[in-house]
N, C-alpha and C. Protein backbone atom coordinates (compact mmCIF):
# COMPACT_ATOMS: atom_id res chain seq x y z
N MET A 1 97.37 94.66 231.14
CA MET A 1 98.23 93.99 231.67
C MET A 1 98.29 92.68 231.19
N ARG A 2 99.41 92.27 230.67
CA ARG A 2 99.42 90.83 229.93
C ARG A 2 99.62 89.75 230.71
N THR A 3 98.79 88.64 230.40
CA THR A 3 98.41 87.33 231.17
C THR A 3 99.06 86.24 230.32
N ILE A 4 99.95 85.47 230.89
CA ILE A 4 100.49 84.47 230.28
C ILE A 4 100.20 83.06 230.99
N HIS A 5 99.79 82.19 230.23
CA HIS A 5 99.46 80.93 230.64
C HIS A 5 100.56 79.87 229.91
N THR A 6 101.33 79.15 230.77
CA THR A 6 102.18 78.14 230.23
C THR A 6 101.93 76.83 230.66
N ALA A 7 102.26 75.89 229.84
CA ALA A 7 102.14 74.50 230.19
C ALA A 7 103.16 73.75 229.59
N GLY A 8 104.12 72.86 230.36
CA GLY A 8 105.13 72.00 229.97
C GLY A 8 106.10 72.51 229.21
N LEU A 9 106.60 73.64 229.29
CA LEU A 9 107.83 74.05 228.44
C LEU A 9 108.94 73.56 228.85
N GLY A 10 109.38 72.81 227.57
CA GLY A 10 110.63 72.04 227.53
C GLY A 10 111.73 72.63 227.17
N ALA A 11 113.01 71.76 227.06
CA ALA A 11 114.20 72.38 226.08
C ALA A 11 113.81 72.40 224.84
N VAL A 12 114.75 73.39 224.36
CA VAL A 12 114.85 73.49 222.71
C VAL A 12 115.87 73.11 221.95
N ALA A 13 116.80 72.60 222.88
CA ALA A 13 118.16 71.91 222.54
C ALA A 13 118.02 71.24 221.34
N ALA A 14 116.94 70.28 221.05
CA ALA A 14 117.11 69.45 219.98
C ALA A 14 116.94 70.16 218.81
N LEU A 15 116.42 71.27 218.54
CA LEU A 15 116.12 71.95 217.41
C LEU A 15 117.10 73.21 217.18
N ALA A 16 117.84 73.44 218.31
CA ALA A 16 118.84 74.56 218.10
C ALA A 16 119.83 74.49 216.97
N GLY A 17 120.28 73.27 216.45
CA GLY A 17 121.18 72.98 215.45
C GLY A 17 120.24 73.38 214.25
N LEU A 18 119.03 73.48 214.04
CA LEU A 18 118.38 73.80 212.78
C LEU A 18 117.92 75.16 212.57
N ALA A 19 118.88 75.94 213.21
CA ALA A 19 118.37 77.54 212.83
C ALA A 19 118.54 77.69 211.43
N GLY A 20 117.13 78.26 211.20
CA GLY A 20 116.92 78.62 209.79
C GLY A 20 117.26 80.23 209.63
N VAL A 21 117.21 80.68 208.37
CA VAL A 21 117.70 81.88 208.13
C VAL A 21 116.41 82.36 207.79
N LEU A 22 116.19 83.68 208.55
CA LEU A 22 114.78 84.46 208.27
C LEU A 22 115.38 85.72 207.13
N ALA A 23 114.35 85.56 206.04
CA ALA A 23 114.75 86.54 204.94
C ALA A 23 113.83 87.77 205.22
N PRO A 24 114.28 88.74 205.89
CA PRO A 24 113.73 89.97 205.98
C PRO A 24 113.26 90.70 204.84
N THR A 25 112.04 91.19 204.64
CA THR A 25 111.94 92.08 203.47
C THR A 25 111.32 93.51 203.84
N ALA A 26 111.73 94.51 203.15
CA ALA A 26 111.41 95.90 203.57
C ALA A 26 109.91 96.04 203.18
N HIS A 27 109.24 96.90 203.95
CA HIS A 27 107.90 97.14 203.64
C HIS A 27 107.81 98.83 203.29
N ALA A 28 106.69 98.97 202.74
CA ALA A 28 106.25 100.64 202.39
C ALA A 28 105.48 101.15 203.53
N GLY A 29 105.54 102.38 204.05
CA GLY A 29 104.77 102.97 204.91
C GLY A 29 105.33 102.97 206.28
N THR A 30 104.70 103.55 207.29
CA THR A 30 105.43 103.33 208.60
C THR A 30 104.19 102.66 209.62
N ALA A 31 104.79 101.86 210.29
CA ALA A 31 103.74 101.15 211.20
C ALA A 31 103.58 102.00 212.39
N PRO A 32 102.40 101.99 212.78
CA PRO A 32 101.90 102.57 213.91
C PRO A 32 102.68 101.82 215.02
N THR A 33 102.89 102.65 216.21
CA THR A 33 103.64 102.23 217.26
C THR A 33 102.89 101.79 218.21
N PRO A 34 103.29 100.19 218.33
CA PRO A 34 102.84 99.35 219.39
C PRO A 34 102.57 100.02 220.71
N GLN A 35 101.41 100.10 221.50
CA GLN A 35 101.36 100.62 223.09
C GLN A 35 100.84 99.64 224.09
N SER A 36 100.66 98.47 223.62
CA SER A 36 100.15 97.60 224.69
C SER A 36 100.45 96.20 224.32
N LYS A 37 100.37 95.32 225.18
CA LYS A 37 100.57 93.67 224.83
C LYS A 37 99.19 93.10 224.70
N PRO A 38 98.95 92.16 223.87
CA PRO A 38 97.82 91.35 223.68
C PRO A 38 97.82 90.45 224.91
N THR A 39 96.80 89.62 225.33
CA THR A 39 96.95 88.48 226.05
C THR A 39 97.53 87.41 225.19
N MET A 40 98.51 86.75 225.82
CA MET A 40 99.10 85.64 225.47
C MET A 40 98.99 84.25 226.10
N LEU A 41 98.17 83.16 225.40
CA LEU A 41 97.91 82.18 225.75
C LEU A 41 98.97 81.09 225.18
N VAL A 42 99.95 80.66 225.90
CA VAL A 42 101.03 79.88 225.43
C VAL A 42 100.69 78.30 225.44
N ALA A 43 100.52 77.84 224.13
CA ALA A 43 100.03 76.40 224.33
C ALA A 43 100.97 75.55 224.83
N GLY A 44 100.59 74.47 225.37
CA GLY A 44 101.21 73.33 225.78
C GLY A 44 102.38 72.68 224.77
N THR A 45 103.23 72.31 225.29
CA THR A 45 104.45 71.86 224.30
C THR A 45 105.01 70.57 224.90
N ALA A 46 104.27 69.74 225.72
CA ALA A 46 104.80 68.25 226.02
C ALA A 46 104.77 67.48 224.81
N ASP A 47 105.80 67.30 224.30
CA ASP A 47 106.23 66.65 223.15
C ASP A 47 106.05 65.10 223.01
N THR A 48 105.19 64.79 222.08
CA THR A 48 105.03 63.34 222.07
C THR A 48 105.12 62.92 220.34
N GLY A 49 105.98 63.98 219.79
CA GLY A 49 105.90 64.10 218.10
C GLY A 49 106.60 62.99 217.90
N TYR A 50 106.76 63.09 216.33
CA TYR A 50 107.67 62.04 215.79
C TYR A 50 108.40 62.52 214.71
N SER A 51 109.38 61.93 214.37
CA SER A 51 110.50 62.26 213.26
C SER A 51 110.30 61.72 211.97
N THR A 52 110.33 62.53 210.74
CA THR A 52 110.17 61.99 209.55
C THR A 52 111.03 63.12 208.80
N ALA A 53 111.87 62.43 207.83
CA ALA A 53 112.76 63.18 206.81
C ALA A 53 113.71 64.14 207.89
N GLY A 54 114.21 63.85 208.95
CA GLY A 54 114.98 64.58 209.63
C GLY A 54 114.30 65.85 210.60
N TYR A 55 112.82 65.68 210.59
CA TYR A 55 112.25 66.84 211.09
C TYR A 55 111.39 65.81 212.10
N CYS A 56 111.23 66.76 213.43
CA CYS A 56 110.53 66.42 214.47
C CYS A 56 109.10 67.27 214.27
N GLN A 57 107.79 66.33 214.30
CA GLN A 57 106.86 67.30 214.13
C GLN A 57 105.53 67.02 215.10
N LYS A 58 104.68 67.58 215.47
CA LYS A 58 103.66 67.35 216.53
C LYS A 58 102.48 68.00 215.72
N ARG A 59 101.41 67.16 215.65
CA ARG A 59 99.92 67.53 215.23
C ARG A 59 99.43 68.65 215.97
N ILE A 60 98.88 69.57 215.33
CA ILE A 60 98.39 70.85 216.18
C ILE A 60 96.77 71.03 215.43
N LEU A 61 95.95 71.15 216.32
CA LEU A 61 94.45 71.65 215.86
C LEU A 61 93.89 72.70 216.27
N ARG A 62 93.43 73.74 215.48
CA ARG A 62 92.84 74.74 215.95
C ARG A 62 91.73 75.02 215.00
N TRP A 63 90.47 75.44 215.77
CA TRP A 63 89.25 76.03 214.94
C TRP A 63 88.97 74.90 213.84
N GLY A 64 89.46 73.64 214.15
CA GLY A 64 89.00 72.56 212.91
C GLY A 64 90.05 72.28 212.12
N TYR A 65 91.22 73.31 212.10
CA TYR A 65 92.42 73.05 211.04
C TYR A 65 93.27 72.34 211.43
N GLU A 66 93.68 71.35 210.85
CA GLU A 66 94.82 70.35 211.27
C GLU A 66 96.24 71.01 210.63
N GLY A 67 97.28 71.11 211.36
CA GLY A 67 98.68 71.24 211.06
C GLY A 67 99.72 70.47 211.83
N TYR A 68 100.86 70.93 211.46
CA TYR A 68 102.03 70.37 212.19
C TYR A 68 102.88 71.52 212.77
N ARG A 69 103.38 71.36 213.87
CA ARG A 69 104.50 72.39 214.33
C ARG A 69 105.93 71.55 214.73
N ALA A 70 106.71 72.14 214.97
CA ALA A 70 108.06 71.55 215.15
C ALA A 70 108.11 71.29 216.72
N CYS A 71 108.66 70.13 217.10
CA CYS A 71 108.81 69.70 218.43
C CYS A 71 109.56 70.68 219.42
N GLY A 72 109.57 70.69 220.73
CA GLY A 72 110.19 71.68 221.47
C GLY A 72 109.21 72.73 222.02
N SER A 73 110.03 73.40 222.98
CA SER A 73 109.07 74.50 223.45
C SER A 73 109.32 75.71 222.80
N ASN A 74 108.20 76.63 222.98
CA ASN A 74 108.12 77.92 222.27
C ASN A 74 108.18 77.98 220.70
N ARG A 75 107.19 76.80 220.41
CA ARG A 75 106.90 76.63 219.00
C ARG A 75 105.39 77.01 218.61
N VAL A 76 104.83 77.29 219.59
CA VAL A 76 103.45 77.51 219.39
C VAL A 76 103.01 78.72 220.56
N ILE A 77 102.15 79.69 220.04
CA ILE A 77 101.60 80.73 220.69
C ILE A 77 100.25 81.14 220.43
N ASP A 78 99.31 81.12 221.31
CA ASP A 78 97.91 81.37 221.15
C ASP A 78 97.87 82.72 221.60
N VAL A 79 97.33 83.57 220.68
CA VAL A 79 97.21 85.08 221.01
C VAL A 79 95.62 85.60 221.15
N SER A 80 95.56 86.25 222.23
CA SER A 80 93.93 86.78 222.49
C SER A 80 94.08 88.35 222.14
N TRP A 81 93.83 88.71 220.85
CA TRP A 81 94.17 90.17 220.58
C TRP A 81 93.17 90.92 221.28
N ASP A 82 91.89 90.41 221.55
CA ASP A 82 91.08 91.33 222.35
C ASP A 82 91.05 91.48 223.78
N GLY A 83 91.92 90.39 224.36
CA GLY A 83 92.09 90.50 225.69
C GLY A 83 91.16 89.59 226.68
N ASN A 84 90.17 88.71 225.97
CA ASN A 84 89.26 88.10 226.64
C ASN A 84 89.73 86.55 227.03
N ASN A 85 90.85 86.52 226.68
CA ASN A 85 91.43 85.24 227.36
C ASN A 85 91.03 83.90 226.42
N THR A 86 90.54 84.08 225.24
CA THR A 86 90.28 83.21 224.32
C THR A 86 90.99 83.39 222.96
N PRO A 87 91.70 82.37 222.40
CA PRO A 87 92.57 82.73 221.39
C PRO A 87 91.86 83.33 220.10
N ASP A 88 92.55 84.34 219.47
CA ASP A 88 92.11 84.84 218.22
C ASP A 88 92.77 84.49 217.03
N GLU A 89 94.05 84.12 217.43
CA GLU A 89 95.04 83.63 216.33
C GLU A 89 96.11 82.73 217.16
N THR A 90 96.58 81.75 216.11
CA THR A 90 97.68 80.78 216.47
C THR A 90 98.77 81.00 215.75
N PHE A 91 99.95 81.07 216.07
CA PHE A 91 101.14 81.19 215.40
C PHE A 91 102.06 80.04 215.75
N VAL A 92 102.76 79.47 214.59
CA VAL A 92 103.55 78.14 215.17
C VAL A 92 104.75 78.21 214.20
N ILE A 93 105.72 77.60 214.70
CA ILE A 93 106.96 77.22 213.94
C ILE A 93 106.92 75.92 213.39
N GLY A 94 106.87 75.68 212.07
CA GLY A 94 106.58 74.41 211.48
C GLY A 94 107.97 73.50 211.52
N PRO A 95 107.69 72.33 211.38
CA PRO A 95 108.81 71.46 211.33
C PRO A 95 109.94 71.78 210.44
N ASN A 96 109.67 72.64 209.48
CA ASN A 96 110.82 73.11 208.32
C ASN A 96 111.30 74.48 208.84
N ASN A 97 110.87 74.99 209.94
CA ASN A 97 111.19 76.29 210.54
C ASN A 97 110.57 77.31 209.71
N HIS A 98 109.39 77.26 208.96
CA HIS A 98 108.78 78.26 208.29
C HIS A 98 107.72 78.74 209.37
N ILE A 99 107.15 79.75 209.30
CA ILE A 99 106.16 80.33 210.44
C ILE A 99 104.93 80.46 209.75
N TYR A 100 103.95 79.65 210.55
CA TYR A 100 102.57 79.50 210.04
C TYR A 100 101.45 80.28 211.11
N HIS A 101 100.55 80.56 210.62
CA HIS A 101 99.26 81.07 211.43
C HIS A 101 98.02 80.58 211.01
N VAL A 102 96.92 80.62 211.91
CA VAL A 102 95.62 80.49 211.83
C VAL A 102 94.81 81.23 212.52
N TRP A 103 93.46 81.51 212.15
CA TRP A 103 92.16 82.15 212.99
C TRP A 103 91.11 81.49 212.51
N LYS A 104 90.08 81.85 213.26
CA LYS A 104 88.74 81.11 213.06
C LYS A 104 88.32 81.02 211.73
N ARG A 105 88.15 82.02 210.91
CA ARG A 105 87.75 81.92 209.62
C ARG A 105 88.88 81.88 208.52
N ALA A 106 89.93 81.41 208.91
CA ALA A 106 91.23 81.33 207.91
C ALA A 106 91.13 80.54 206.89
N GLY A 107 90.30 79.43 206.88
CA GLY A 107 90.12 78.36 205.87
C GLY A 107 91.38 77.43 205.94
N GLY A 108 92.29 77.40 206.90
CA GLY A 108 93.19 76.53 206.97
C GLY A 108 94.66 77.23 207.42
N TRP A 109 95.55 76.55 207.62
CA TRP A 109 96.86 76.98 208.30
C TRP A 109 97.45 77.76 206.95
N LYS A 110 98.08 78.96 207.17
CA LYS A 110 98.69 79.78 206.21
C LYS A 110 100.05 80.35 206.61
N GLU A 111 101.09 80.12 205.60
CA GLU A 111 102.49 80.73 205.91
C GLU A 111 102.28 82.13 206.04
N MET A 112 103.16 82.67 207.05
CA MET A 112 103.34 84.15 207.32
C MET A 112 103.93 84.71 206.03
N PRO A 113 103.54 85.77 205.62
CA PRO A 113 104.00 86.63 204.53
C PRO A 113 105.58 86.87 204.68
N GLY A 114 106.23 87.17 203.89
CA GLY A 114 107.60 87.44 204.05
C GLY A 114 108.93 86.54 204.03
N ASN A 115 108.31 85.35 203.76
CA ASN A 115 109.37 84.16 203.67
C ASN A 115 110.33 83.91 204.89
N GLY A 116 109.57 84.25 206.17
CA GLY A 116 110.37 84.01 207.36
C GLY A 116 110.74 82.70 207.95
N ARG A 117 111.67 82.29 208.56
CA ARG A 117 112.27 81.28 208.95
C ARG A 117 112.72 81.48 210.61
N ALA A 118 112.23 80.80 211.44
CA ALA A 118 112.58 81.10 212.84
C ALA A 118 112.98 79.69 213.44
N ASN A 119 113.61 79.73 214.97
CA ASN A 119 113.63 78.73 215.72
C ASN A 119 112.51 78.70 216.88
N THR A 120 112.19 79.81 217.30
CA THR A 120 111.15 80.02 218.35
C THR A 120 110.43 81.38 218.21
N ILE A 121 109.10 81.07 218.70
CA ILE A 121 108.28 82.38 218.89
C ILE A 121 108.74 83.18 220.10
N ARG A 122 108.86 84.49 220.01
CA ARG A 122 109.15 85.21 221.15
C ARG A 122 107.96 86.04 221.93
N ASP A 123 107.05 86.61 221.10
CA ASP A 123 106.25 87.20 221.75
C ASP A 123 105.27 87.86 220.50
N ALA A 124 104.27 88.59 221.26
CA ALA A 124 103.20 89.39 220.37
C ALA A 124 103.36 91.03 221.14
N CYS A 125 102.88 91.69 220.02
CA CYS A 125 102.56 93.18 220.45
C CYS A 125 101.25 93.56 219.76
N MET A 126 100.73 94.66 220.21
CA MET A 126 99.73 95.24 219.60
C MET A 126 99.70 96.94 220.02
N GLY A 127 99.15 97.61 219.30
CA GLY A 127 98.59 98.87 219.62
C GLY A 127 97.37 99.52 218.87
N PRO A 128 96.92 100.62 218.83
CA PRO A 128 95.74 101.16 217.86
C PRO A 128 96.11 100.75 216.68
N GLY A 129 95.50 99.80 216.01
CA GLY A 129 95.57 99.75 214.34
C GLY A 129 96.64 98.89 214.05
N TYR A 130 97.54 98.25 215.08
CA TYR A 130 98.65 97.45 214.78
C TYR A 130 98.78 96.30 215.56
N ARG A 131 99.19 95.19 215.20
CA ARG A 131 99.43 93.96 215.90
C ARG A 131 100.88 93.24 215.19
N GLY A 132 101.39 92.69 216.19
CA GLY A 132 102.80 92.05 215.54
C GLY A 132 103.06 90.88 216.38
N ILE A 133 103.95 90.07 215.70
CA ILE A 133 104.49 88.71 216.20
C ILE A 133 106.19 88.96 215.96
N MET A 134 106.83 88.49 217.29
CA MET A 134 108.27 88.39 217.04
C MET A 134 108.54 86.95 217.10
N VAL A 135 109.69 86.77 216.42
CA VAL A 135 110.27 85.37 216.47
C VAL A 135 111.90 85.59 216.89
N TRP A 136 112.68 84.45 217.14
CA TRP A 136 114.09 84.34 217.02
C TRP A 136 114.65 83.44 215.97
N ALA A 137 115.28 83.96 215.42
CA ALA A 137 116.16 83.15 214.35
C ALA A 137 117.60 83.10 214.87
N GLY A 138 118.09 82.05 215.28
CA GLY A 138 119.37 82.04 216.04
C GLY A 138 119.23 82.92 217.04
N ASN A 139 120.11 83.85 217.37
CA ASN A 139 120.25 84.79 218.33
C ASN A 139 119.54 86.26 218.04
N THR A 140 118.91 86.28 216.83
CA THR A 140 118.56 87.62 216.22
C THR A 140 116.91 87.59 216.46
N THR A 141 116.27 88.62 216.92
CA THR A 141 114.97 88.72 216.95
C THR A 141 114.38 89.52 215.70
N TYR A 142 113.31 88.83 215.08
CA TYR A 142 112.66 89.57 213.97
C TYR A 142 111.09 89.91 214.35
N SER A 143 110.65 90.67 213.63
CA SER A 143 109.06 91.06 213.80
C SER A 143 108.37 91.02 212.43
N ASN A 144 107.21 90.96 212.60
CA ASN A 144 106.10 91.20 211.19
C ASN A 144 105.11 91.89 211.97
N GLY A 145 104.74 92.91 211.42
CA GLY A 145 103.77 93.76 211.89
C GLY A 145 102.22 93.70 210.88
N PHE A 146 101.08 93.67 211.51
CA PHE A 146 99.98 93.83 210.72
C PHE A 146 99.24 94.97 210.82
N TYR A 147 99.19 95.82 209.88
CA TYR A 147 98.43 96.99 209.81
C TYR A 147 97.92 97.41 208.44
N SER A 148 97.15 98.42 208.40
CA SER A 148 96.36 98.72 207.16
C SER A 148 96.01 97.58 206.33
N GLY A 149 95.47 96.51 206.98
CA GLY A 149 94.68 95.45 206.36
C GLY A 149 95.74 94.36 206.07
N LYS A 150 96.99 94.19 206.29
CA LYS A 150 97.84 93.18 205.55
C LYS A 150 99.23 93.15 206.60
N TRP A 151 99.86 91.93 206.57
CA TRP A 151 101.19 91.66 207.09
C TRP A 151 102.11 92.34 206.28
N HIS A 152 103.20 92.97 206.79
CA HIS A 152 104.17 93.74 206.09
C HIS A 152 105.50 93.30 206.07
N GLY A 153 106.17 91.89 206.34
CA GLY A 153 107.19 91.42 206.02
C GLY A 153 108.07 91.47 207.32
N TRP A 154 109.04 90.56 207.27
CA TRP A 154 109.95 90.40 208.45
C TRP A 154 111.20 91.34 208.59
N GLU A 155 111.37 92.13 209.87
CA GLU A 155 112.40 92.98 209.99
C GLU A 155 113.20 92.77 211.17
N LYS A 156 114.46 93.05 211.12
CA LYS A 156 115.35 92.68 212.26
C LYS A 156 114.74 93.70 213.53
N GLY A 157 114.61 93.21 214.62
CA GLY A 157 114.11 93.87 215.83
C GLY A 157 112.91 93.61 216.38
N THR A 158 112.54 94.14 217.47
CA THR A 158 111.16 93.90 218.02
C THR A 158 110.08 94.95 217.46
N CYS A 159 108.84 94.53 217.83
CA CYS A 159 107.67 95.42 217.21
C CYS A 159 107.33 96.24 218.32
């Protein structure tokens, strides 16, 4: 069963007009079918960020790695892939609508493969040998799956 912890979810209207274009890429092979949900630990989104060059950004720190996320709700999600209610990986929508992630031994924030852009993070999914993240770009859902040791690019639809 999926557990969701939320704190301070606010309106996303401020960034609704900044809808980025998600550039899906095809991937080789067939993804395993997701069969369960990871534990979602949704990070707080009470915004006290600041604007520069037309972007509103808020500092975020995970495992000692500093980064910036877009202001507004649903821009950050901490995922516990093993279900022990401690974050294993964090995903954010950056101030430029690029999608980034970090984990304990990442060495720093990494842009998600596939040249994706999004407005909000929707959810995460997992199954044997598979984990994935879903985002919204405008009114369309895109997903990117991790299996066979790598992320496989953005595709329209859920994982």
